[in-house]
Amino acid sequence: EDSTDESGLKEKTRKQTVYLPGGCILSEKQFEDMKDFMTRSYVDDCLCIEGSIECRVSP
């Protein structure tokens, strides 16, 4: 199942695991935590780069 959320991240979910483009593999809980983190006002964007999630934050 593919879906795209407002941040434009395309995710595939399989058995409680989320696979993000760029090689990130998160548990469902980690993914929910990341989405919650991304709603904070100082977080601009989060990307998966070579297997790690990197977020841009406002100064």
PDB file of N, CA and C in Angstrom:
ATOM      1  N   GLU A   1       0.848  -1.185   0.000  1.00  0.00           N
ATOM      2  CA  GLU A   1       0.000   0.000   0.000  1.00  0.00           C
ATOM      3  C   GLU A   1       0.885   1.238   0.000  1.00  0.00           C
ATOM      4  N   ASP A   2       0.687   2.105  -0.976  1.00  0.00           N
ATOM      5  CA  ASP A   2       1.448   3.347  -1.064  1.00  0.00           C
ATOM      6  C   ASP A   2       0.541   4.513  -0.710  1.00  0.00           C
ATOM      7  N   SER A   3       1.089   5.475  -0.014  1.00  0.00           N
ATOM      8  CA  SER A   3       0.345   6.705   0.229  1.00  0.00           C
ATOM      9  C   SER A   3       1.339   7.843   0.319  1.00  0.00           C
ATOM     10  N   THR A   4       0.869   9.025   0.001  1.00  0.00           N
ATOM     11  CA  THR A   4       1.731  10.197   0.085  1.00  0.00           C
ATOM     12  C   THR A   4       1.089  11.175   1.049  1.00  0.00           C
ATOM     13  N   ASP A   5       1.846  11.596   2.053  1.00  0.00           N
ATOM     14  CA  ASP A   5       1.277  12.554   2.999  1.00  0.00           C
ATOM     15  C   ASP A   5       1.660  13.970   2.584  1.00  0.00           C
ATOM     16  N   GLU A   6       1.279  14.942   3.399  1.00  0.00           N
ATOM     17  CA  GLU A   6       1.468  16.340   3.026  1.00  0.00           C
ATOM     18  C   GLU A   6       2.931  16.732   2.875  1.00  0.00           C
ATOM     19  N   SER A   7       3.841  15.974   3.451  1.00  0.00           N
ATOM     20  CA  SER A   7       5.260  16.310   3.316  1.00  0.00           C
ATOM     21  C   SER A   7       5.831  15.759   2.009  1.00  0.00           C
ATOM     22  N   GLY A   8       5.039  14.978   1.288  1.00  0.00           N
ATOM     23  CA  GLY A   8       5.504  14.440   0.021  1.00  0.00           C
ATOM     24  C   GLY A   8       6.305  13.163   0.169  1.00  0.00           C
ATOM     25  N   LEU A   9       6.450  12.645   1.386  1.00  0.00           N
ATOM     26  CA  LEU A   9       7.157  11.381   1.573  1.00  0.00           C
ATOM     27  C   LEU A   9       6.259  10.247   1.113  1.00  0.00           C
ATOM     28  N   LYS A  10       6.795   9.416   0.263  1.00  0.00           N
ATOM     29  CA  LYS A  10       6.016   8.269  -0.173  1.00  0.00           C
ATOM     30  C   LYS A  10       6.445   7.096   0.692  1.00  0.00           C
ATOM     31  N   GLU A  11       5.504   6.461   1.311  1.00  0.00           N
ATOM     32  CA  GLU A  11       5.880   5.379   2.203  1.00  0.00           C
ATOM     33  C   GLU A  11       5.190   4.087   1.807  1.00  0.00           C
ATOM     34  N   LYS A  12       5.874   2.992   2.048  1.00  0.00           N
ATOM     35  CA  LYS A  12       5.281   1.674   1.877  1.00  0.00           C
ATOM     36  C   LYS A  12       5.230   1.046   3.247  1.00  0.00           C
ATOM     37  N   THR A  13       4.104   0.512   3.616  1.00  0.00           N
ATOM     38  CA  THR A  13       4.001  -0.107   4.928  1.00  0.00           C
ATOM     39  C   THR A  13       3.771  -1.600   4.757  1.00  0.00           C
ATOM     40  N   ARG A  14       4.509  -2.377   5.522  1.00  0.00           N
ATOM     41  CA  ARG A  14       4.386  -3.818   5.480  1.00  0.00           C
ATOM     42  C   ARG A  14       4.641  -4.349   6.870  1.00  0.00           C
ATOM     43  N   LYS A  15       3.679  -5.026   7.444  1.00  0.00           N
ATOM     44  CA  LYS A  15       3.880  -5.661   8.740  1.00  0.00           C
ATOM     45  C   LYS A  15       4.467  -4.725   9.779  1.00  0.00           C
ATOM     46  N   GLN A  16       3.813  -3.601  10.022  1.00  0.00           N
ATOM     47  CA  GLN A  16       4.227  -2.657  11.067  1.00  0.00           C
ATOM     48  C   GLN A  16       5.561  -1.977  10.767  1.00  0.00           C
ATOM     49  N   THR A  17       6.032  -2.068   9.533  1.00  0.00           N
ATOM     50  CA  THR A  17       7.308  -1.454   9.182  1.00  0.00           C
ATOM     51  C   THR A  17       7.087  -0.484   8.030  1.00  0.00           C
ATOM     52  N   VAL A  18       7.756   0.659   8.093  1.00  0.00           N
ATOM     53  CA  VAL A  18       7.626   1.675   7.051  1.00  0.00           C
ATOM     54  C   VAL A  18       8.967   1.787   6.333  1.00  0.00           C
ATOM     55  N   TYR A  19       8.921   1.684   5.005  1.00  0.00           N
ATOM     56  CA  TYR A  19      10.120   1.810   4.177  1.00  0.00           C
ATOM     57  C   TYR A  19      10.038   3.140   3.440  1.00  0.00           C
ATOM     58  N   LEU A  20      10.953   4.046   3.734  1.00  0.00           N
ATOM     59  CA  LEU A  20      10.944   5.349   3.069  1.00  0.00           C
ATOM     60  C   LEU A  20      11.979   5.366   1.956  1.00  0.00           C
ATOM     61  N   PRO A  21      11.708   6.113   0.880  1.00  0.00           N
ATOM     62  CA  PRO A  21      12.707   6.268  -0.175  1.00  0.00           C
ATOM     63  C   PRO A  21      13.991   6.834   0.422  1.00  0.00           C
ATOM     64  N   GLY A  22      15.128   6.307   0.022  1.00  0.00           N
ATOM     65  CA  GLY A  22      16.405   6.739   0.566  1.00  0.00           C
ATOM     66  C   GLY A  22      16.983   5.704   1.515  1.00  0.00           C
ATOM     67  N   GLY A  23      16.238   4.630   1.753  1.00  0.00           N
ATOM     68  CA  GLY A  23      16.774   3.519   2.528  1.00  0.00           C
ATOM     69  C   GLY A  23      16.428   3.518   4.001  1.00  0.00           C
ATOM     70  N   CYS A  24      15.491   4.352   4.436  1.00  0.00           N
ATOM     71  CA  CYS A  24      15.112   4.359   5.851  1.00  0.00           C
ATOM     72  C   CYS A  24      14.044   3.314   6.117  1.00  0.00           C
ATOM     73  N   ILE A  25      14.250   2.557   7.167  1.00  0.00           N
ATOM     74  CA  ILE A  25      13.276   1.561   7.593  1.00  0.00           C
ATOM     75  C   ILE A  25      12.907   1.879   9.032  1.00  0.00           C
ATOM     76  N   LEU A  26      11.635   2.174   9.259  1.00  0.00           N
ATOM     77  CA  LEU A  26      11.166   2.570  10.586  1.00  0.00           C
ATOM     78  C   LEU A  26      10.063   1.637  11.047  1.00  0.00           C
ATOM     79  N   SER A  27       9.980   1.457  12.346  1.00  0.00           N
ATOM     80  CA  SER A  27       8.807   0.768  12.886  1.00  0.00           C
ATOM     81  C   SER A  27       7.625   1.723  12.770  1.00  0.00           C
ATOM     82  N   GLU A  28       6.433   1.177  12.886  1.00  0.00           N
ATOM     83  CA  GLU A  28       5.244   2.023  12.814  1.00  0.00           C
ATOM     84  C   GLU A  28       5.285   3.104  13.891  1.00  0.00           C
ATOM     85  N   LYS A  29       5.745   2.749  15.091  1.00  0.00           N
ATOM     86  CA  LYS A  29       5.848   3.715  16.204  1.00  0.00           C
ATOM     87  C   LYS A  29       6.856   4.815  15.870  1.00  0.00           C
ATOM     88  N   GLN A  30       8.026   4.434  15.339  1.00  0.00           N
ATOM     89  CA  GLN A  30       9.033   5.434  14.965  1.00  0.00           C
ATOM     90  C   GLN A  30       8.483   6.375  13.897  1.00  0.00           C
ATOM     91  N   PHE A  31       7.743   5.814  12.944  1.00  0.00           N
ATOM     92  CA  PHE A  31       7.186   6.625  11.867  1.00  0.00           C
ATOM     93  C   PHE A  31       6.155   7.608  12.415  1.00  0.00           C
ATOM     94  N   GLU A  32       5.299   7.139  13.320  1.00  0.00           N
ATOM     95  CA  GLU A  32       4.314   8.032  13.940  1.00  0.00           C
ATOM     96  C   GLU A  32       5.014   9.128  14.740  1.00  0.00           C
ATOM     97  N   ASP A  33       6.069   8.764  15.467  1.00  0.00           N
ATOM     98  CA  ASP A  33       6.838   9.756  16.228  1.00  0.00           C
ATOM     99  C   ASP A  33       7.458  10.791  15.293  1.00  0.00           C
ATOM    100  N   MET A  34       7.983  10.334  14.146  1.00  0.00           N
ATOM    101  CA  MET A  34       8.597  11.244  13.188  1.00  0.00           C
ATOM    102  C   MET A  34       7.541  12.195  12.622  1.00  0.00           C
ATOM    103  N   LYS A  35       6.371  11.669  12.271  1.00  0.00           N
ATOM    104  CA  LYS A  35       5.314  12.535  11.738  1.00  0.00           C
ATOM    105  C   LYS A  35       4.887  13.567  12.779  1.00  0.00           C
ATOM    106  N   ASP A  36       4.811  13.148  14.037  1.00  0.00           N
ATOM    107  CA  ASP A  36       4.461  14.067  15.123  1.00  0.00           C
ATOM    108  C   ASP A  36       5.532  15.149  15.266  1.00  0.00           C
ATOM    109  N   PHE A  37       6.805  14.743  15.215  1.00  0.00           N
ATOM    110  CA  PHE A  37       7.927  15.674  15.304  1.00  0.00           C
ATOM    111  C   PHE A  37       7.868  16.693  14.165  1.00  0.00           C
ATOM    112  N   MET A  38       7.514  16.233  12.964  1.00  0.00           N
ATOM    113  CA  MET A  38       7.488  17.108  11.791  1.00  0.00           C
ATOM    114  C   MET A  38       6.380  18.156  11.868  1.00  0.00           C
ATOM    115  N   THR A  39       5.403  17.988  12.753  1.00  0.00           N
ATOM    116  CA  THR A  39       4.330  18.985  12.869  1.00  0.00           C
ATOM    117  C   THR A  39       4.749  20.176  13.722  1.00  0.00           C
ATOM    118  N   ARG A  40       5.875  20.081  14.386  1.00  0.00           N
ATOM    119  CA  ARG A  40       6.322  21.189  15.240  1.00  0.00           C
ATOM    120  C   ARG A  40       6.738  22.381  14.384  1.00  0.00           C
ATOM    121  N   SER A  41       6.513  23.571  14.903  1.00  0.00           N
ATOM    122  CA  SER A  41       6.691  24.783  14.107  1.00  0.00           C
ATOM    123  C   SER A  41       8.129  25.004  13.656  1.00  0.00           C
ATOM    124  N   TYR A  42       9.099  24.528  14.421  1.00  0.00           N
ATOM    125  CA  TYR A  42      10.494  24.782  14.059  1.00  0.00           C
ATOM    126  C   TYR A  42      11.070  23.746  13.094  1.00  0.00           C
ATOM    127  N   VAL A  43      10.310  22.723  12.738  1.00  0.00           N
ATOM    128  CA  VAL A  43      10.799  21.707  11.803  1.00  0.00           C
ATOM    129  C   VAL A  43      10.333  22.072  10.401  1.00  0.00           C
ATOM    130  N   ASP A  44      11.296  22.303   9.495  1.00  0.00           N
ATOM    131  CA  ASP A  44      10.952  22.662   8.122  1.00  0.00           C
ATOM    132  C   ASP A  44      10.638  21.434   7.284  1.00  0.00           C
ATOM    133  N   ASP A  45      11.515  20.447   7.324  1.00  0.00           N
ATOM    134  CA  ASP A  45      11.348  19.288   6.461  1.00  0.00           C
ATOM    135  C   ASP A  45      12.238  18.164   6.957  1.00  0.00           C
ATOM    136  N   CYS A  46      11.832  16.939   6.714  1.00  0.00           N
ATOM    137  CA  CYS A  46      12.659  15.779   7.037  1.00  0.00           C
ATOM    138  C   CYS A  46      12.802  14.927   5.789  1.00  0.00           C
ATOM    139  N   LEU A  47      14.015  14.460   5.559  1.00  0.00           N
ATOM    140  CA  LEU A  47      14.314  13.624   4.407  1.00  0.00           C
ATOM    141  C   LEU A  47      15.092  12.403   4.859  1.00  0.00           C
ATOM    142  N   CYS A  48      14.951  11.342   4.096  1.00  0.00           N
ATOM    143  CA  CYS A  48      15.744  10.150   4.338  1.00  0.00           C
ATOM    144  C   CYS A  48      16.936  10.195   3.385  1.00  0.00           C
ATOM    145  N   ILE A  49      18.142  10.238   3.953  1.00  0.00           N
ATOM    146  CA  ILE A  49      19.355  10.326   3.148  1.00  0.00           C
ATOM    147  C   ILE A  49      20.272   9.177   3.525  1.00  0.00           C
ATOM    148  N   GLU A  50      20.487   8.272   2.567  1.00  0.00           N
ATOM    149  CA  GLU A  50      21.374   7.124   2.772  1.00  0.00           C
ATOM    150  C   GLU A  50      21.072   6.383   4.068  1.00  0.00           C
ATOM    151  N   GLY A  51      19.802   6.153   4.333  1.00  0.00           N
ATOM    152  CA  GLY A  51      19.422   5.333   5.476  1.00  0.00           C
ATOM    153  C   GLY A  51      19.223   6.061   6.787  1.00  0.00           C
ATOM    154  N   SER A  52      19.467   7.377   6.814  1.00  0.00           N
ATOM    155  CA  SER A  52      19.214   8.100   8.061  1.00  0.00           C
ATOM    156  C   SER A  52      18.284   9.279   7.787  1.00  0.00           C
ATOM    157  N   ILE A  53      17.460   9.580   8.758  1.00  0.00           N
ATOM    158  CA  ILE A  53      16.512  10.681   8.609  1.00  0.00           C
ATOM    159  C   ILE A  53      17.163  11.965   9.087  1.00  0.00           C
ATOM    160  N   GLU A  54      17.146  12.960   8.221  1.00  0.00           N
ATOM    161  CA  GLU A  54      17.726  14.254   8.552  1.00  0.00           C
ATOM    162  C   GLU A  54      16.637  15.302   8.418  1.00  0.00           C
ATOM    163  N   CYS A  55      16.533  16.157   9.426  1.00  0.00           N
ATOM    164  CA  CYS A  55      15.494  17.190   9.430  1.00  0.00           C
ATOM    165  C   CYS A  55      16.124  18.570   9.424  1.00  0.00           C
ATOM    166  N   ARG A  56      15.527  19.451   8.621  1.00  0.00           N
ATOM    167  CA  ARG A  56      15.921  20.859   8.638  1.00  0.00           C
ATOM    168  C   ARG A  56      15.049  21.557   9.662  1.00  0.00           C
ATOM    169  N   VAL A  57      15.674  22.338  10.516  1.00  0.00           N
ATOM    170  CA  VAL A  57      14.910  23.079  11.521  1.00  0.00           C
ATOM    171  C   VAL A  57      15.161  24.573  11.359  1.00  0.00           C
ATOM    172  N   SER A  58      14.179  25.355  11.747  1.00  0.00           N
ATOM    173  CA  SER A  58      14.320  26.811  11.689  1.00  0.00           C
ATOM    174  C   SER A  58      15.242  27.271  12.807  1.00  0.00           C
ATOM    175  N   PRO A  59      16.072  28.289  12.525  1.00  0.00           N
ATOM    176  CA  PRO A  59      16.968  28.798  13.571  1.00  0.00           C
ATOM    177  C   PRO A  59      16.194  29.469  14.695  1.00  0.00           C
TER     178      PRO A  59
END
